[in-house]
Amino acid sequence: MSIFEYNGSATVAMVGKNCIAIGSDRRLGVQLQTIATDFQRIFQIHDRLFIGLSGLGSDAQTLYQRLVFRHKLYQLREERDMKPETFANLVSAILYEKRFGPYFCQPVIAGLGDDNKPFICTMDSIGAKELAKDFVVAGTASESLYGACESMYKPDMEPEELFETVSQALQASVDRDCLSGWGGHVYIVTPTEIKEHILKGRMD
């Protein structure tokens, strides 16, 4: 078993019309044994920027703490929040710096940039970015997430429809992966508000 599959995870981000959605499952396991059913994989960096960290749970928490530290330094120096593109470059640089003993994480970054333009991207454990205009996925359920998102995604969805699409794709995908699941956690980010939803899923 790969170290990336040790705790199990499923993370997805999707673009709508001037809005983004980012979602993950809530299971923390040790291989096939479930340890927790309320594990947080999605973290808020600021009002318009979120990061989801799939992979090894301990590395995800360590990496998040480093990212918060670097973002606070940026805020003090620049007196503004980081743009999503800039933050993606920061995450990539931090991961690449540790390339010989990497953080076992696959980040998914989602945010709204200038003129409320949605931005999503994912990367591997050494910071090689993959940009997308529609959706990005990561984690042990990524194969089934690709299929579900590919069939359900439509361009320019409103926030309500985007939430429904991401939730259905996430729930359908984790049911086909025994290392992730146990409900979901979805954030919808618009220029004016952030909506957080907890999804109930199969408890097996």
Protein backbone atom coordinates (compact mmCIF):
# COMPACT_ATOMS: atom_id res chain seq x y z
CA MET A 1 0.00 0.00 0.00
CA SER A 2 1.28 3.46 -0.91
CA ILE A 3 1.88 5.93 1.93
CA PHE A 4 -0.60 8.26 0.15
CA GLU A 5 -3.33 5.65 0.70
CA TYR A 6 -2.51 5.03 4.38
CA ASN A 7 -5.22 7.37 5.78
CA GLY A 8 -7.53 7.44 2.72
CA SER A 9 -8.93 10.66 1.25
CA ALA A 10 -11.06 12.20 -1.48
CA THR A 11 -10.82 15.88 -2.45
CA VAL A 12 -12.45 17.76 -5.31
CA ALA A 13 -12.69 21.39 -6.45
CA MET A 14 -15.01 22.67 -9.17
CA VAL A 15 -15.58 25.98 -10.95
CA GLY A 16 -18.95 27.71 -11.40
CA LYS A 17 -20.05 31.13 -12.60
CA ASN A 18 -17.98 33.54 -10.43
CA CYS A 19 -17.93 30.90 -7.68
CA ILE A 20 -16.00 27.81 -6.67
CA ALA A 21 -16.75 24.67 -4.68
CA ILE A 22 -14.27 22.55 -2.76
CA GLY A 23 -15.22 19.32 -1.03
CA SER A 24 -13.69 16.35 0.74
CA ASP A 25 -14.67 13.22 2.62
CA ARG A 26 -14.46 13.05 6.45
CA ARG A 27 -12.88 9.65 7.11
CA LEU A 28 -9.51 9.21 8.78
CA GLY A 29 -8.37 5.63 8.69
CA VAL A 30 -5.30 3.49 9.23
CA GLN A 31 -5.51 1.37 6.12
CA LEU A 32 -8.90 -0.37 6.43
CA GLN A 33 -9.55 0.54 10.08
CA THR A 34 -11.56 3.73 10.62
CA ILE A 35 -10.11 6.00 13.31
CA ALA A 36 -12.21 9.20 13.00
CA THR A 37 -15.29 10.28 11.08
CA ASP A 38 -14.95 14.07 11.36
CA PHE A 39 -11.44 14.65 10.01
CA GLN A 40 -10.84 18.05 8.44
CA ARG A 41 -9.07 18.11 5.07
CA ILE A 42 -10.21 21.52 3.80
CA PHE A 43 -8.73 24.64 5.33
CA GLN A 44 -9.55 28.32 4.87
CA ILE A 45 -6.57 30.56 4.09
CA HIS A 46 -8.65 33.74 3.74
CA ASP A 47 -12.20 34.76 2.75
CA ARG A 48 -11.76 33.81 -0.91
CA LEU A 49 -9.15 31.05 -0.77
CA PHE A 50 -9.28 27.43 0.41
CA ILE A 51 -6.92 24.48 0.28
CA GLY A 52 -7.76 20.79 0.52
CA LEU A 53 -4.94 18.43 1.53
CA SER A 54 -5.38 14.77 0.64
CA GLY A 55 -2.77 12.14 1.47
CA LEU A 56 -1.13 11.43 4.83
CA GLY A 57 -3.15 13.13 7.60
CA SER A 58 -0.18 14.15 9.76
CA ASP A 59 1.68 15.70 6.82
CA ALA A 60 -1.50 17.55 5.79
CA GLN A 61 -1.74 19.20 9.21
CA THR A 62 1.98 20.05 9.29
CA LEU A 63 1.87 21.53 5.78
CA TYR A 64 -1.25 23.57 6.63
CA GLN A 65 0.51 25.11 9.66
CA ARG A 66 3.48 26.10 7.49
CA LEU A 67 1.18 27.63 4.87
CA VAL A 68 -0.72 29.68 7.48
CA PHE A 69 2.61 30.95 8.85
CA ARG A 70 3.83 31.97 5.37
CA HIS A 71 0.50 33.62 4.50
CA LYS A 72 0.51 35.66 7.73
CA LEU A 73 4.05 36.86 6.95
CA TYR A 74 2.85 37.87 3.45
CA GLN A 75 -0.11 39.78 4.97
CA LEU A 76 2.19 41.67 7.35
CA ARG A 77 4.62 42.59 4.58
CA GLU A 78 2.18 43.32 1.72
CA GLU A 79 -0.87 44.43 3.75
CA ARG A 80 -3.20 42.38 1.55
CA ASP A 81 -4.36 38.81 1.06
CA MET A 82 -2.58 36.48 -1.32
CA LYS A 83 -4.06 35.89 -4.77
CA PRO A 84 -4.88 32.24 -5.49
CA GLU A 85 -2.21 32.07 -8.24
CA THR A 86 0.44 33.43 -5.86
CA PHE A 87 -0.62 31.00 -3.15
CA ALA A 88 -0.38 28.07 -5.59
CA ASN A 89 3.19 29.13 -6.40
CA LEU A 90 3.97 29.31 -2.67
CA VAL A 91 2.58 25.79 -2.03
CA SER A 92 4.51 24.47 -5.03
CA ALA A 93 7.77 26.05 -3.78
CA ILE A 94 7.33 24.69 -0.23
CA LEU A 95 6.70 21.17 -1.58
CA TYR A 96 9.59 21.28 -4.05
CA GLU A 97 11.93 22.49 -1.31
CA LYS A 98 11.32 19.14 0.46
CA ARG A 99 11.47 17.03 -2.72
CA PHE A 100 14.04 14.53 -1.33
CA GLY A 101 11.84 13.80 1.70
CA PRO A 102 8.46 15.12 0.58
CA TYR A 103 5.26 15.90 2.42
CA PHE A 104 3.00 13.01 1.41
CA CYS A 105 0.18 15.37 0.35
CA GLN A 106 -1.68 16.22 -2.80
CA PRO A 107 -3.00 19.77 -2.39
CA VAL A 108 -6.14 21.04 -4.11
CA ILE A 109 -6.31 24.86 -4.19
CA ALA A 110 -9.50 26.78 -4.96
CA GLY A 111 -10.15 30.50 -4.75
CA LEU A 112 -11.50 33.65 -6.36
CA GLY A 113 -8.96 36.05 -7.83
CA ASP A 114 -9.21 39.50 -9.38
CA ASP A 115 -12.64 40.34 -10.87
CA ASN A 116 -14.00 37.26 -9.01
CA LYS A 117 -12.32 34.97 -11.52
CA PRO A 118 -12.35 31.36 -10.23
CA PHE A 119 -9.01 29.61 -9.89
CA ILE A 120 -8.45 25.91 -9.17
CA CYS A 121 -5.35 23.79 -9.28
CA THR A 122 -3.83 20.65 -7.84
CA MET A 123 -0.28 19.37 -7.61
CA ASP A 124 1.70 16.29 -6.71
CA SER A 125 3.80 15.82 -3.58
CA ILE A 126 6.78 17.69 -5.05
CA GLY A 127 4.83 20.69 -6.30
CA ALA A 128 4.24 20.01 -10.03
CA LYS A 129 1.12 22.07 -10.72
CA GLU A 130 -1.86 20.96 -12.76
CA LEU A 131 -4.16 23.86 -13.67
CA ALA A 132 -7.73 23.29 -14.86
CA LYS A 133 -10.70 25.32 -16.07
CA ASP A 134 -13.41 22.90 -14.86
CA PHE A 135 -12.49 20.64 -11.92
CA VAL A 136 -9.54 19.04 -10.14
CA VAL A 137 -9.47 15.92 -7.92
CA ALA A 138 -7.03 14.23 -5.53
CA GLY A 139 -6.87 11.33 -3.08
CA THR A 140 -7.56 7.61 -3.09
CA ALA A 141 -10.99 8.14 -4.73
CA SER A 142 -9.54 10.30 -7.54
CA GLU A 143 -10.21 7.76 -10.31
CA SER A 144 -13.93 7.51 -9.58
CA LEU A 145 -14.06 11.29 -8.93
CA TYR A 146 -12.70 11.93 -12.43
CA GLY A 147 -15.50 9.83 -13.92
CA ALA A 148 -18.27 11.37 -11.82
CA CYS A 149 -17.10 14.96 -12.36
CA GLU A 150 -16.56 14.39 -16.09
CA SER A 151 -20.16 13.27 -16.51
CA MET A 152 -21.81 15.80 -14.15
CA TYR A 153 -19.86 19.02 -14.81
CA LYS A 154 -21.45 21.85 -16.80
CA PRO A 155 -19.84 25.27 -17.42
CA ASP A 156 -21.13 28.44 -15.67
CA MET A 157 -23.18 26.78 -12.91
CA GLU A 158 -24.80 28.96 -10.26
CA PRO A 159 -23.75 28.32 -6.62
CA GLU A 160 -26.79 26.13 -5.76
CA GLU A 161 -26.34 23.89 -8.80
CA LEU A 162 -22.58 23.76 -8.24
CA PHE A 163 -23.12 22.55 -4.66
CA GLU A 164 -25.50 19.84 -5.85
CA THR A 165 -23.09 18.69 -8.57
CA VAL A 166 -20.00 18.54 -6.31
CA SER A 167 -21.95 16.78 -3.55
CA GLN A 168 -23.38 14.13 -5.88
CA ALA A 169 -19.99 13.53 -7.52
CA LEU A 170 -18.27 13.24 -4.14
CA GLN A 171 -20.86 10.90 -2.63
CA ALA A 172 -21.00 8.67 -5.72
CA SER A 173 -17.19 8.43 -5.85
CA VAL A 174 -16.41 7.64 -2.22
CA ASP A 175 -18.95 4.79 -2.32
CA ARG A 176 -16.62 3.14 -4.86
CA ASP A 177 -13.52 3.55 -2.67
CA CYS A 178 -13.20 1.69 0.64
CA LEU A 179 -10.49 4.04 2.01
CA SER A 180 -12.56 7.24 1.90
CA GLY A 181 -16.13 8.24 2.72
CA TRP A 182 -18.18 8.59 5.89
CA GLY A 183 -19.91 11.78 4.77
CA GLY A 184 -18.58 14.90 3.13
CA HIS A 185 -17.57 18.49 3.76
CA VAL A 186 -18.30 21.05 1.03
CA TYR A 187 -17.58 24.79 0.86
CA ILE A 188 -19.18 27.06 -1.74
CA VAL A 189 -17.30 30.36 -2.16
CA THR A 190 -18.93 33.34 -3.91
CA PRO A 191 -17.77 37.00 -4.01
CA THR A 192 -20.14 37.85 -1.14
CA GLU A 193 -20.35 34.75 1.07
CA ILE A 194 -18.98 31.35 2.06
CA LYS A 195 -21.39 28.47 2.60
CA GLU A 196 -20.26 25.38 4.49
CA HIS A 197 -22.19 22.11 4.19
CA ILE A 198 -21.74 18.81 6.01
CA LEU A 199 -23.00 15.86 3.96
CA LYS A 200 -24.25 12.63 5.43
CA GLY A 201 -23.08 9.54 3.60
CA ARG A 202 -22.92 5.78 3.99
CA MET A 203 -21.37 4.85 7.32
CA ASP A 204 -19.43 1.83 6.10
